[in-house]
Amino acid sequence: MEENHVTKPVKALVIGGSAGSLQVLFSLLPLLQNNLPFAIIVVLHRRHSADSSLSDLLSTKSLSPTHEVEDKDVIRPGHIYLAPADYHLLIEKQESFSLDYSEKINFSRPSIDVTFESAAEVYGPSLVALLLSGANEDGTKGLSQVKKAGGITIVQNPDTAQMPYMPYYAMMHTVIDHVLDVPQMSHYINNLR
């Protein structure tokens, strides 16, 4: 693994996950400090019929304000944003969100790759991307773009993932800076600046 240090202040942390990742978030969010100086953007695979109660549930686990994204929401540091079910979540140059209903990618909408790639374009070396448990390849291309843009790439340790395929696949196909379990993730994130 290549060692990488953030050279610019972190503006965003993007987190992607699928099967098994919700439990990781339930464990991770309570460990994160309030008022982190960057936004946290979460993309989870979930059924298109899922309602917005997931955002409410995540907000009970976090000290930071947690919102399900609406089109054109402005991205603010210290907030946690959740991609809505059945929409791709893109980050725009003016640091706002755009929702897209185009074709599914990797059988998923929202697609982790779509969000990671658009975040890499906007934030470049000020981006950290974290890929959690999951059962498909979504997220690997996005992590590759984050790395090419100078950002930091992290995956959940596959040994601790309920569904290890997603982080393992990423480790085999792109450069990953850190492979972490939940306590290591919280320590790393809380020390980002």
Foldseek 3Di string as FASTA:
>chain_A
DDAADQPDAAAEEEEEEEPQCLVLLLVQALLADAQDQYEYEYEYFDALPDDPVSQVVSVVSHPFATEEADAFAAGGGRYYYYDHAQWAWAADQNRTIHTHNDDADQNGVNFLLRHLLRCCVRQQSSYEYEYEADATQGPLNSQQSNVVSNHAAEYEQLVPGPHSPHRVNSVVRHDHNYHHHSVVVNVVSNPGD
